[in-house]
Amino acid sequence: MSSDDKHSIPTDWKTVVDTAAIDRCLTRMSYEILERKDSEGEVAIVGIRTAGEFLGRRIHDKICEIEGKEIPFGVIDITLYRDDLSHSSEQPMLKATDLPFPVSGHRIILVDDVLYTGRTIRAALDAIIDFGRPTCVELAVLADRGHREFPIRPDYVGKNIPTSKDEFVRVRLSEMGYENDGVYLIQDHSI
C-alpha cells in the first residue's frame, strides 16, 4: 500500500495512546499473560474481527518470540452472535472464523480493541463455546472505556480511558490502512 492509499485521521480526534505506547501496552500484556500461573491449559490467542484480530496477532507474535515457540492463534467473527441483529435493517457482513486448533483444553486469551458495554465479549464467548470447552477464557483489551452493561471485566488492559457516554474510543492500526497506530477519543458529533 502506498502512502497515498493510507487513511487519514480527522484532526478533531484526540490521540490518547500513540504508536509507541500501543507497542509498550501489547508487550506488557504479553508478559502478564505468560506470568499468570493460576490458569491451566496451553495458551491460545483468539482475536475478535477486525481490530482484535490484528492486536491478537501482535500479542501472539510477542509471546512466541518471548517463549521461543509457536502457540495457537485463531480469529472469530461474532456477527451472528450479536444481540442487536434484529434491530438492524442491514444485512450483516459475515467474515470467516478461523480456529485451526481444538478449543477444548486450551487457555484462550480473547483479544479485542475496546471494551465498552461488554456485548461484543458476550457474543465472542458464545462463539468460542460453540467450538468446544476451553480450560478458561481470559480477556485482553487495548482500551477499557467503562460503561458496562454486562458483568464482564478484562484480565489484561493496555490503557483505561475514562469516558462519558457522548464520547467514543476508536483504534486505528497500520493493518487497517492507517499510517500510524493510535487510540483516539472523539465526540459523538465527529463520528
N, C-alpha and C. Protein backbone atom coordinates (compact mmCIF):
# COMPACT_ATOMS: atom_id res chain seq x y z
N MET A 1 0.85 -1.16 0.00
CA MET A 1 0.00 0.00 0.00
C MET A 1 0.90 1.23 0.00
N SER A 2 0.69 2.14 -0.94
CA SER A 2 1.49 3.35 -0.99
C SER A 2 0.98 4.34 0.05
N SER A 3 1.81 5.34 0.37
CA SER A 3 1.40 6.32 1.37
C SER A 3 0.19 7.11 0.91
N ASP A 4 -0.03 7.18 -0.42
CA ASP A 4 -1.22 7.87 -0.94
C ASP A 4 -2.49 7.10 -0.61
N ASP A 5 -2.38 5.79 -0.39
CA ASP A 5 -3.55 4.95 -0.10
C ASP A 5 -3.89 4.91 1.39
N LYS A 6 -3.08 5.51 2.22
CA LYS A 6 -3.29 5.46 3.67
C LYS A 6 -4.49 6.32 4.05
N HIS A 7 -5.26 5.82 5.03
CA HIS A 7 -6.37 6.59 5.57
C HIS A 7 -5.82 7.67 6.49
N SER A 8 -6.52 8.77 6.57
CA SER A 8 -6.09 9.83 7.48
C SER A 8 -7.04 9.89 8.68
N ILE A 9 -6.54 10.42 9.76
CA ILE A 9 -7.30 10.58 10.99
C ILE A 9 -7.84 12.00 11.03
N PRO A 10 -9.13 12.17 11.32
CA PRO A 10 -9.68 13.54 11.42
C PRO A 10 -8.94 14.36 12.47
N THR A 11 -8.77 15.63 12.21
CA THR A 11 -7.99 16.50 13.08
C THR A 11 -8.64 16.73 14.44
N ASP A 12 -9.94 16.51 14.55
CA ASP A 12 -10.60 16.74 15.84
C ASP A 12 -10.60 15.50 16.74
N TRP A 13 -9.96 14.42 16.30
CA TRP A 13 -9.81 13.23 17.16
C TRP A 13 -8.60 13.45 18.06
N LYS A 14 -8.77 13.23 19.36
CA LYS A 14 -7.69 13.41 20.32
C LYS A 14 -6.94 12.09 20.51
N THR A 15 -5.64 12.11 20.27
CA THR A 15 -4.80 10.92 20.47
C THR A 15 -4.62 10.70 21.97
N VAL A 16 -5.01 9.50 22.44
CA VAL A 16 -4.82 9.17 23.85
C VAL A 16 -3.75 8.08 24.03
N VAL A 17 -3.48 7.30 22.99
CA VAL A 17 -2.40 6.32 23.00
C VAL A 17 -1.77 6.33 21.61
N ASP A 18 -0.47 6.60 21.54
CA ASP A 18 0.19 6.66 20.24
C ASP A 18 0.84 5.32 19.88
N THR A 19 1.49 5.29 18.76
CA THR A 19 2.10 4.06 18.23
C THR A 19 3.04 3.39 19.23
N ALA A 20 3.97 4.17 19.78
CA ALA A 20 4.96 3.61 20.71
C ALA A 20 4.27 3.09 21.98
N ALA A 21 3.28 3.82 22.48
CA ALA A 21 2.57 3.39 23.69
C ALA A 21 1.76 2.11 23.44
N ILE A 22 1.18 1.98 22.25
CA ILE A 22 0.45 0.75 21.92
C ILE A 22 1.41 -0.43 21.96
N ASP A 23 2.59 -0.27 21.38
CA ASP A 23 3.56 -1.36 21.39
C ASP A 23 3.97 -1.72 22.81
N ARG A 24 4.18 -0.72 23.65
CA ARG A 24 4.53 -0.98 25.05
C ARG A 24 3.39 -1.70 25.78
N CYS A 25 2.15 -1.27 25.53
CA CYS A 25 0.99 -1.93 26.15
C CYS A 25 0.92 -3.40 25.76
N LEU A 26 1.09 -3.68 24.48
CA LEU A 26 0.99 -5.05 24.00
C LEU A 26 2.14 -5.91 24.53
N THR A 27 3.33 -5.34 24.65
CA THR A 27 4.45 -6.08 25.22
C THR A 27 4.18 -6.40 26.69
N ARG A 28 3.73 -5.40 27.46
CA ARG A 28 3.42 -5.62 28.88
C ARG A 28 2.33 -6.67 29.03
N MET A 29 1.27 -6.57 28.23
CA MET A 29 0.18 -7.54 28.31
C MET A 29 0.66 -8.94 27.98
N SER A 30 1.56 -9.07 27.01
CA SER A 30 2.11 -10.38 26.64
C SER A 30 2.85 -11.01 27.81
N TYR A 31 3.67 -10.22 28.50
CA TYR A 31 4.38 -10.73 29.68
C TYR A 31 3.40 -11.09 30.79
N GLU A 32 2.37 -10.27 31.00
CA GLU A 32 1.37 -10.56 32.03
C GLU A 32 0.65 -11.88 31.74
N ILE A 33 0.34 -12.13 30.48
CA ILE A 33 -0.31 -13.38 30.10
C ILE A 33 0.58 -14.56 30.45
N LEU A 34 1.87 -14.46 30.14
CA LEU A 34 2.80 -15.55 30.43
C LEU A 34 3.05 -15.73 31.93
N GLU A 35 2.98 -14.65 32.68
CA GLU A 35 3.28 -14.71 34.11
C GLU A 35 2.12 -15.25 34.94
N ARG A 36 0.93 -15.25 34.41
CA ARG A 36 -0.22 -15.73 35.18
C ARG A 36 -0.10 -17.24 35.34
N LYS A 37 0.03 -17.67 36.56
CA LYS A 37 0.26 -19.09 36.84
C LYS A 37 -0.98 -19.82 37.34
N ASP A 38 -2.07 -19.08 37.59
CA ASP A 38 -3.25 -19.72 38.16
C ASP A 38 -4.16 -20.36 37.11
N SER A 39 -3.76 -20.32 35.86
CA SER A 39 -4.56 -20.90 34.78
C SER A 39 -3.87 -22.14 34.22
N GLU A 40 -4.67 -23.14 33.89
CA GLU A 40 -4.13 -24.36 33.29
C GLU A 40 -4.46 -24.37 31.81
N GLY A 41 -3.78 -25.23 31.09
CA GLY A 41 -4.01 -25.37 29.66
C GLY A 41 -3.01 -24.57 28.86
N GLU A 42 -2.77 -25.03 27.65
CA GLU A 42 -1.87 -24.34 26.74
C GLU A 42 -2.51 -23.04 26.27
N VAL A 43 -1.72 -21.98 26.26
CA VAL A 43 -2.22 -20.67 25.83
C VAL A 43 -2.51 -20.69 24.33
N ALA A 44 -3.65 -20.13 23.97
CA ALA A 44 -4.02 -19.90 22.57
C ALA A 44 -4.61 -18.50 22.49
N ILE A 45 -4.21 -17.75 21.49
CA ILE A 45 -4.69 -16.38 21.31
C ILE A 45 -5.81 -16.40 20.28
N VAL A 46 -6.93 -15.73 20.60
CA VAL A 46 -8.06 -15.63 19.67
C VAL A 46 -8.46 -14.15 19.57
N GLY A 47 -8.31 -13.59 18.39
CA GLY A 47 -8.69 -12.20 18.16
C GLY A 47 -10.10 -12.10 17.62
N ILE A 48 -10.81 -11.05 18.04
CA ILE A 48 -12.15 -10.78 17.53
C ILE A 48 -12.01 -9.88 16.32
N ARG A 49 -12.59 -10.31 15.20
CA ARG A 49 -12.51 -9.48 14.00
C ARG A 49 -13.10 -8.12 14.26
N THR A 50 -12.51 -7.04 13.86
CA THR A 50 -11.38 -6.87 12.97
C THR A 50 -10.15 -6.40 13.74
N ALA A 51 -10.27 -5.32 14.50
CA ALA A 51 -9.08 -4.80 15.19
C ALA A 51 -8.54 -5.79 16.21
N GLY A 52 -9.41 -6.54 16.87
CA GLY A 52 -8.96 -7.55 17.83
C GLY A 52 -8.11 -8.62 17.18
N GLU A 53 -8.41 -8.90 15.92
CA GLU A 53 -7.60 -9.87 15.17
C GLU A 53 -6.16 -9.38 15.02
N PHE A 54 -6.02 -8.10 14.65
CA PHE A 54 -4.68 -7.55 14.43
C PHE A 54 -3.91 -7.41 15.75
N LEU A 55 -4.58 -6.97 16.80
CA LEU A 55 -3.93 -6.87 18.10
C LEU A 55 -3.59 -8.25 18.64
N GLY A 56 -4.50 -9.21 18.44
CA GLY A 56 -4.24 -10.59 18.85
C GLY A 56 -3.03 -11.17 18.16
N ARG A 57 -2.89 -10.88 16.88
CA ARG A 57 -1.73 -11.36 16.12
C ARG A 57 -0.44 -10.76 16.67
N ARG A 58 -0.49 -9.50 17.04
CA ARG A 58 0.71 -8.86 17.60
C ARG A 58 1.08 -9.48 18.95
N ILE A 59 0.08 -9.71 19.80
CA ILE A 59 0.34 -10.35 21.10
C ILE A 59 0.86 -11.77 20.87
N HIS A 60 0.24 -12.49 19.96
CA HIS A 60 0.70 -13.84 19.62
C HIS A 60 2.17 -13.83 19.22
N ASP A 61 2.54 -12.93 18.33
CA ASP A 61 3.92 -12.87 17.85
C ASP A 61 4.89 -12.53 18.98
N LYS A 62 4.49 -11.63 19.88
CA LYS A 62 5.35 -11.27 21.00
C LYS A 62 5.54 -12.46 21.94
N ILE A 63 4.45 -13.17 22.24
CA ILE A 63 4.55 -14.34 23.12
C ILE A 63 5.42 -15.42 22.48
N CYS A 64 5.24 -15.67 21.20
CA CYS A 64 6.07 -16.67 20.50
C CYS A 64 7.55 -16.28 20.57
N GLU A 65 7.83 -14.99 20.40
CA GLU A 65 9.22 -14.52 20.47
C GLU A 65 9.77 -14.69 21.88
N ILE A 66 9.01 -14.33 22.89
CA ILE A 66 9.45 -14.44 24.28
C ILE A 66 9.68 -15.90 24.65
N GLU A 67 8.74 -16.77 24.29
CA GLU A 67 8.80 -18.18 24.67
C GLU A 67 9.71 -19.01 23.76
N GLY A 68 9.96 -18.51 22.57
CA GLY A 68 10.79 -19.25 21.63
C GLY A 68 10.08 -20.44 21.02
N LYS A 69 8.76 -20.40 21.01
CA LYS A 69 7.98 -21.49 20.40
C LYS A 69 6.65 -20.95 19.89
N GLU A 70 6.07 -21.67 18.97
CA GLU A 70 4.79 -21.28 18.37
C GLU A 70 3.64 -21.66 19.30
N ILE A 71 2.66 -20.78 19.41
CA ILE A 71 1.44 -21.09 20.14
C ILE A 71 0.26 -20.91 19.18
N PRO A 72 -0.88 -21.55 19.46
CA PRO A 72 -2.02 -21.45 18.55
C PRO A 72 -2.58 -20.03 18.48
N PHE A 73 -3.08 -19.69 17.28
CA PHE A 73 -3.72 -18.40 17.04
C PHE A 73 -4.96 -18.63 16.19
N GLY A 74 -6.01 -17.92 16.53
CA GLY A 74 -7.24 -18.00 15.75
C GLY A 74 -7.99 -16.69 15.76
N VAL A 75 -9.02 -16.63 14.94
CA VAL A 75 -9.84 -15.43 14.78
C VAL A 75 -11.30 -15.85 14.79
N ILE A 76 -12.13 -15.07 15.49
CA ILE A 76 -13.57 -15.35 15.46
C ILE A 76 -14.33 -14.14 14.93
N ASP A 77 -15.38 -14.45 14.22
CA ASP A 77 -16.32 -13.44 13.75
C ASP A 77 -17.57 -13.61 14.59
N ILE A 78 -17.98 -12.54 15.27
CA ILE A 78 -19.12 -12.63 16.19
C ILE A 78 -20.42 -12.14 15.56
N THR A 79 -20.42 -11.83 14.29
CA THR A 79 -21.58 -11.20 13.65
C THR A 79 -22.88 -11.92 13.96
N LEU A 80 -22.93 -13.23 13.79
CA LEU A 80 -24.18 -13.95 14.00
C LEU A 80 -24.52 -14.15 15.48
N TYR A 81 -23.62 -13.79 16.37
CA TYR A 81 -23.85 -13.93 17.80
C TYR A 81 -24.28 -12.61 18.46
N ARG A 82 -24.31 -11.55 17.68
CA ARG A 82 -24.66 -10.24 18.23
C ARG A 82 -26.13 -10.21 18.64
N ASP A 83 -26.42 -9.49 19.72
CA ASP A 83 -27.80 -9.42 20.20
C ASP A 83 -28.58 -8.26 19.59
N ASP A 84 -27.95 -7.52 18.66
CA ASP A 84 -28.65 -6.41 18.04
C ASP A 84 -28.97 -6.65 16.56
N LEU A 85 -28.82 -7.87 16.09
CA LEU A 85 -29.09 -8.17 14.68
C LEU A 85 -30.54 -7.89 14.30
N SER A 86 -31.47 -8.17 15.19
CA SER A 86 -32.88 -7.96 14.87
C SER A 86 -33.24 -6.48 14.85
N HIS A 87 -32.38 -5.61 15.37
CA HIS A 87 -32.65 -4.17 15.41
C HIS A 87 -32.13 -3.46 14.16
N SER A 88 -31.42 -4.18 13.32
CA SER A 88 -30.81 -3.56 12.15
C SER A 88 -31.50 -4.04 10.87
N SER A 89 -31.69 -3.10 9.96
CA SER A 89 -32.30 -3.47 8.68
C SER A 89 -31.25 -3.90 7.66
N GLU A 90 -29.98 -3.67 7.97
CA GLU A 90 -28.90 -4.04 7.06
C GLU A 90 -28.58 -5.52 7.18
N GLN A 91 -28.18 -6.11 6.07
CA GLN A 91 -27.69 -7.50 6.09
C GLN A 91 -26.33 -7.51 6.76
N PRO A 92 -26.11 -8.40 7.71
CA PRO A 92 -24.80 -8.43 8.36
C PRO A 92 -23.72 -8.91 7.40
N MET A 93 -22.54 -8.31 7.53
CA MET A 93 -21.39 -8.69 6.72
C MET A 93 -20.63 -9.79 7.46
N LEU A 94 -20.69 -11.01 6.94
CA LEU A 94 -20.03 -12.14 7.58
C LEU A 94 -18.59 -12.26 7.11
N LYS A 95 -17.72 -12.53 8.06
CA LYS A 95 -16.32 -12.80 7.76
C LYS A 95 -16.01 -14.15 8.35
N ALA A 96 -14.94 -14.73 7.95
CA ALA A 96 -14.63 -16.10 8.37
C ALA A 96 -14.14 -16.17 9.81
N THR A 97 -14.56 -17.22 10.49
CA THR A 97 -13.98 -17.61 11.76
C THR A 97 -12.92 -18.65 11.43
N ASP A 98 -11.75 -18.50 12.03
CA ASP A 98 -10.65 -19.42 11.76
C ASP A 98 -10.02 -19.83 13.09
N LEU A 99 -10.41 -21.00 13.57
CA LEU A 99 -9.84 -21.57 14.79
C LEU A 99 -9.18 -22.89 14.41
N PRO A 100 -7.92 -22.85 13.95
CA PRO A 100 -7.25 -24.04 13.44
C PRO A 100 -6.63 -24.92 14.53
N PHE A 101 -7.25 -24.95 15.68
CA PHE A 101 -6.79 -25.78 16.79
C PHE A 101 -8.02 -26.15 17.61
N PRO A 102 -7.95 -27.22 18.38
CA PRO A 102 -9.10 -27.58 19.22
C PRO A 102 -9.21 -26.61 20.39
N VAL A 103 -10.36 -26.00 20.54
CA VAL A 103 -10.59 -25.05 21.62
C VAL A 103 -10.55 -25.76 22.98
N SER A 104 -11.10 -26.95 23.02
CA SER A 104 -11.16 -27.70 24.29
C SER A 104 -9.76 -27.91 24.86
N GLY A 105 -9.65 -27.64 26.17
CA GLY A 105 -8.38 -27.85 26.86
C GLY A 105 -7.41 -26.70 26.76
N HIS A 106 -7.70 -25.67 25.98
CA HIS A 106 -6.80 -24.53 25.86
C HIS A 106 -7.19 -23.40 26.81
N ARG A 107 -6.22 -22.65 27.20
CA ARG A 107 -6.42 -21.39 27.92
C ARG A 107 -6.53 -20.31 26.85
N ILE A 108 -7.73 -19.91 26.55
CA ILE A 108 -7.99 -18.96 25.47
C ILE A 108 -7.80 -17.53 25.97
N ILE A 109 -6.96 -16.78 25.28
CA ILE A 109 -6.82 -15.35 25.55
C ILE A 109 -7.58 -14.65 24.43
N LEU A 110 -8.73 -14.13 24.76
CA LEU A 110 -9.60 -13.43 23.82
C LEU A 110 -9.15 -11.98 23.74
N VAL A 111 -8.91 -11.49 22.52
CA VAL A 111 -8.34 -10.15 22.34
C VAL A 111 -9.30 -9.28 21.55
N ASP A 112 -9.54 -8.07 22.09
CA ASP A 112 -10.34 -7.07 21.38
C ASP A 112 -9.69 -5.70 21.56
N ASP A 113 -10.15 -4.74 20.77
CA ASP A 113 -9.54 -3.42 20.82
C ASP A 113 -10.10 -2.57 21.96
N VAL A 114 -11.43 -2.39 22.02
CA VAL A 114 -12.04 -1.53 23.03
C VAL A 114 -13.12 -2.30 23.78
N LEU A 115 -13.07 -2.24 25.10
CA LEU A 115 -14.13 -2.82 25.92
C LEU A 115 -15.04 -1.69 26.36
N TYR A 116 -16.32 -1.85 26.06
CA TYR A 116 -17.31 -0.81 26.38
C TYR A 116 -18.44 -1.47 27.17
N THR A 117 -19.53 -1.84 26.53
CA THR A 117 -20.69 -2.39 27.24
C THR A 117 -20.50 -3.83 27.66
N GLY A 118 -19.65 -4.57 26.95
CA GLY A 118 -19.45 -5.99 27.21
C GLY A 118 -20.23 -6.87 26.25
N ARG A 119 -21.06 -6.29 25.41
CA ARG A 119 -21.89 -7.07 24.49
C ARG A 119 -21.06 -7.83 23.45
N THR A 120 -20.02 -7.22 22.94
CA THR A 120 -19.15 -7.89 21.98
C THR A 120 -18.48 -9.10 22.63
N ILE A 121 -18.02 -8.94 23.85
CA ILE A 121 -17.34 -10.04 24.54
C ILE A 121 -18.33 -11.16 24.84
N ARG A 122 -19.54 -10.83 25.24
CA ARG A 122 -20.56 -11.84 25.49
C ARG A 122 -20.80 -12.66 24.22
N ALA A 123 -20.90 -11.99 23.09
CA ALA A 123 -21.09 -12.67 21.82
C ALA A 123 -19.88 -13.55 21.48
N ALA A 124 -18.67 -13.05 21.76
CA ALA A 124 -17.46 -13.81 21.49
C ALA A 124 -17.39 -15.07 22.35
N LEU A 125 -17.81 -14.96 23.60
CA LEU A 125 -17.82 -16.14 24.47
C LEU A 125 -18.77 -17.20 23.93
N ASP A 126 -19.95 -16.77 23.46
CA ASP A 126 -20.90 -17.71 22.85
C ASP A 126 -20.27 -18.40 21.64
N ALA A 127 -19.58 -17.62 20.82
CA ALA A 127 -18.95 -18.18 19.62
C ALA A 127 -17.87 -19.20 19.98
N ILE A 128 -17.04 -18.88 20.96
CA ILE A 128 -15.97 -19.80 21.36
C ILE A 128 -16.55 -21.10 21.89
N ILE A 129 -17.56 -21.02 22.73
CA ILE A 129 -18.16 -22.21 23.33
C ILE A 129 -18.76 -23.12 22.26
N ASP A 130 -19.20 -22.56 21.16
CA ASP A 130 -19.71 -23.40 20.05
C ASP A 130 -18.62 -24.28 19.45
N PHE A 131 -17.35 -23.94 19.70
CA PHE A 131 -16.24 -24.71 19.15
C PHE A 131 -15.63 -25.68 20.13
N GLY A 132 -16.07 -25.65 21.38
CA GLY A 132 -15.53 -26.57 22.37
C GLY A 132 -15.54 -25.96 23.75
N ARG A 133 -14.93 -26.68 24.67
CA ARG A 133 -14.90 -26.22 26.06
C ARG A 133 -13.47 -25.92 26.46
N PRO A 134 -13.09 -24.63 26.44
CA PRO A 134 -11.73 -24.28 26.84
C PRO A 134 -11.55 -24.47 28.34
N THR A 135 -10.30 -24.60 28.76
CA THR A 135 -9.98 -24.67 30.18
C THR A 135 -10.43 -23.39 30.87
N CYS A 136 -10.15 -22.26 30.23
CA CYS A 136 -10.62 -20.96 30.70
C CYS A 136 -10.53 -19.97 29.54
N VAL A 137 -11.23 -18.87 29.69
CA VAL A 137 -11.15 -17.78 28.73
C VAL A 137 -10.78 -16.53 29.51
N GLU A 138 -9.72 -15.88 29.09
CA GLU A 138 -9.28 -14.63 29.69
C GLU A 138 -9.38 -13.53 28.63
N LEU A 139 -9.62 -12.31 29.09
CA LEU A 139 -9.86 -11.20 28.17
C LEU A 139 -8.72 -10.19 28.21
N ALA A 140 -8.20 -9.87 27.02
CA ALA A 140 -7.19 -8.83 26.86
C ALA A 140 -7.74 -7.75 25.94
N VAL A 141 -7.73 -6.50 26.41
CA VAL A 141 -8.21 -5.39 25.59
C VAL A 141 -7.17 -4.28 25.59
N LEU A 142 -7.07 -3.61 24.47
CA LEU A 142 -6.14 -2.49 24.39
C LEU A 142 -6.66 -1.31 25.21
N ALA A 143 -7.97 -1.05 25.11
CA ALA A 143 -8.55 0.10 25.82
C ALA A 143 -9.84 -0.31 26.52
N ASP A 144 -9.96 0.09 27.78
CA ASP A 144 -11.19 -0.12 28.55
C ASP A 144 -11.77 1.25 28.83
N ARG A 145 -12.97 1.51 28.27
CA ARG A 145 -13.57 2.84 28.43
C ARG A 145 -14.69 2.86 29.45
N GLY A 146 -15.02 1.72 30.07
CA GLY A 146 -16.06 1.69 31.09
C GLY A 146 -17.46 1.59 30.50
N HIS A 147 -18.47 1.84 31.33
CA HIS A 147 -19.90 1.83 30.95
C HIS A 147 -20.42 0.44 30.61
N ARG A 148 -20.10 -0.55 31.43
CA ARG A 148 -20.54 -1.93 31.19
C ARG A 148 -22.04 -2.10 31.31
N GLU A 149 -22.59 -2.95 30.47
CA GLU A 149 -23.98 -3.40 30.55
C GLU A 149 -24.05 -4.88 30.95
N PHE A 150 -22.92 -5.56 30.91
CA PHE A 150 -22.81 -6.96 31.31
C PHE A 150 -21.69 -7.08 32.34
N PRO A 151 -21.76 -8.07 33.22
CA PRO A 151 -20.72 -8.22 34.25
C PRO A 151 -19.46 -8.86 33.67
N ILE A 152 -18.76 -8.09 32.87
CA ILE A 152 -17.55 -8.57 32.20
C ILE A 152 -16.41 -7.61 32.55
N ARG A 153 -15.26 -8.18 32.90
CA ARG A 153 -14.09 -7.35 33.18
C ARG A 153 -12.88 -7.97 32.48
N PRO A 154 -11.96 -7.12 32.04
CA PRO A 154 -10.77 -7.65 31.37
C PRO A 154 -9.74 -8.16 32.37
N ASP A 155 -8.99 -9.16 31.94
CA ASP A 155 -7.88 -9.68 32.73
C ASP A 155 -6.60 -8.90 32.44
N TYR A 156 -6.49 -8.37 31.22
CA TYR A 156 -5.31 -7.64 30.78
C TYR A 156 -5.79 -6.39 30.05
N VAL A 157 -5.30 -5.23 30.48
CA VAL A 157 -5.73 -3.95 29.90
C VAL A 157 -4.50 -3.15 29.49
N GLY A 158 -4.53 -2.67 28.25
CA GLY A 158 -3.46 -1.79 27.81
C GLY A 158 -3.58 -0.43 28.46
N LYS A 159 -4.77 0.16 28.40
CA LYS A 159 -4.98 1.52 28.92
C LYS A 159 -6.43 1.67 29.34
N ASN A 160 -6.66 2.16 30.55
CA ASN A 160 -8.00 2.55 30.98
C ASN A 160 -8.24 3.98 30.52
N ILE A 161 -9.34 4.19 29.81
CA ILE A 161 -9.66 5.51 29.27
C ILE A 161 -11.05 5.89 29.75
N PRO A 162 -11.14 6.64 30.85
CA PRO A 162 -12.45 7.06 31.34
C PRO A 162 -13.14 7.94 30.29
N THR A 163 -14.40 7.65 30.02
CA THR A 163 -15.14 8.42 29.02
C THR A 163 -16.52 8.77 29.54
N SER A 164 -17.13 9.74 28.88
CA SER A 164 -18.55 9.99 29.10
C SER A 164 -19.29 9.23 28.00
N LYS A 165 -20.60 9.12 28.15
CA LYS A 165 -21.36 8.36 27.16
C LYS A 165 -21.42 9.05 25.80
N ASP A 166 -21.13 10.35 25.73
CA ASP A 166 -21.15 11.04 24.44
C ASP A 166 -19.77 11.08 23.78
N GLU A 167 -18.83 10.35 24.36
CA GLU A 167 -17.51 10.20 23.76
C GLU A 167 -17.34 8.77 23.27
N PHE A 168 -16.45 8.59 22.32
CA PHE A 168 -16.17 7.28 21.78
C PHE A 168 -14.67 7.08 21.70
N VAL A 169 -14.26 5.83 21.76
CA VAL A 169 -12.85 5.47 21.63
C VAL A 169 -12.71 4.66 20.34
N ARG A 170 -11.80 5.07 19.49
CA ARG A 170 -11.56 4.36 18.24
C ARG A 170 -10.09 3.97 18.16
N VAL A 171 -9.85 2.76 17.70
CA VAL A 171 -8.50 2.26 17.50
C VAL A 171 -8.25 2.20 16.00
N ARG A 172 -7.13 2.74 15.57
CA ARG A 172 -6.73 2.70 14.17
C ARG A 172 -5.33 2.10 14.12
N LEU A 173 -5.17 1.10 13.23
CA LEU A 173 -3.92 0.35 13.15
C LEU A 173 -3.39 0.34 11.72
N SER A 174 -2.09 0.13 11.59
CA SER A 174 -1.49 0.08 10.26
C SER A 174 -2.10 -1.04 9.41
N GLU A 175 -2.49 -2.15 10.05
CA GLU A 175 -3.10 -3.26 9.31
C GLU A 175 -4.46 -2.87 8.72
N MET A 176 -5.04 -1.79 9.21
CA MET A 176 -6.33 -1.31 8.72
C MET A 176 -6.15 -0.22 7.65
N GLY A 177 -4.89 0.04 7.28
CA GLY A 177 -4.62 1.02 6.24
C GLY A 177 -4.27 2.41 6.75
N TYR A 178 -3.96 2.54 8.03
CA TYR A 178 -3.59 3.84 8.59
C TYR A 178 -2.08 3.95 8.67
N GLU A 179 -1.59 5.17 8.52
CA GLU A 179 -0.15 5.39 8.53
C GLU A 179 0.46 5.07 9.89
N ASN A 180 -0.22 5.46 10.96
CA ASN A 180 0.27 5.23 12.32
C ASN A 180 -0.82 4.54 13.15
N ASP A 181 -0.37 3.78 14.14
CA ASP A 181 -1.31 3.21 15.10
C ASP A 181 -1.72 4.30 16.07
N GLY A 182 -2.94 4.19 16.58
CA GLY A 182 -3.36 5.15 17.58
C GLY A 182 -4.69 4.76 18.20
N VAL A 183 -4.89 5.23 19.43
CA VAL A 183 -6.18 5.14 20.10
C VAL A 183 -6.64 6.58 20.25
N TYR A 184 -7.89 6.83 19.84
CA TYR A 184 -8.39 8.20 19.77
C TYR A 184 -9.67 8.35 20.56
N LEU A 185 -9.81 9.50 21.21
CA LEU A 185 -11.02 9.88 21.91
C LEU A 185 -11.74 10.90 21.04
N ILE A 186 -13.01 10.62 20.75
CA ILE A 186 -13.77 11.51 19.86
C ILE A 186 -15.13 11.79 20.45
N GLN A 187 -15.66 12.94 20.10
CA GLN A 187 -17.01 13.34 20.50
C GLN A 187 -18.01 12.73 19.53
N ASP A 188 -19.21 12.48 20.01
CA ASP A 188 -20.27 11.87 19.22
C ASP A 188 -20.49 12.58 17.89
N HIS A 189 -20.44 13.89 17.85
CA HIS A 189 -20.72 14.63 16.63
C HIS A 189 -19.67 14.45 15.54
N SER A 190 -18.48 13.96 15.89
CA SER A 190 -17.42 13.83 14.89
C SER A 190 -17.31 12.45 14.26
N ILE A 191 -18.23 11.55 14.58
CA ILE A 191 -18.15 10.19 14.04
C ILE A 191 -18.73 10.18 12.64
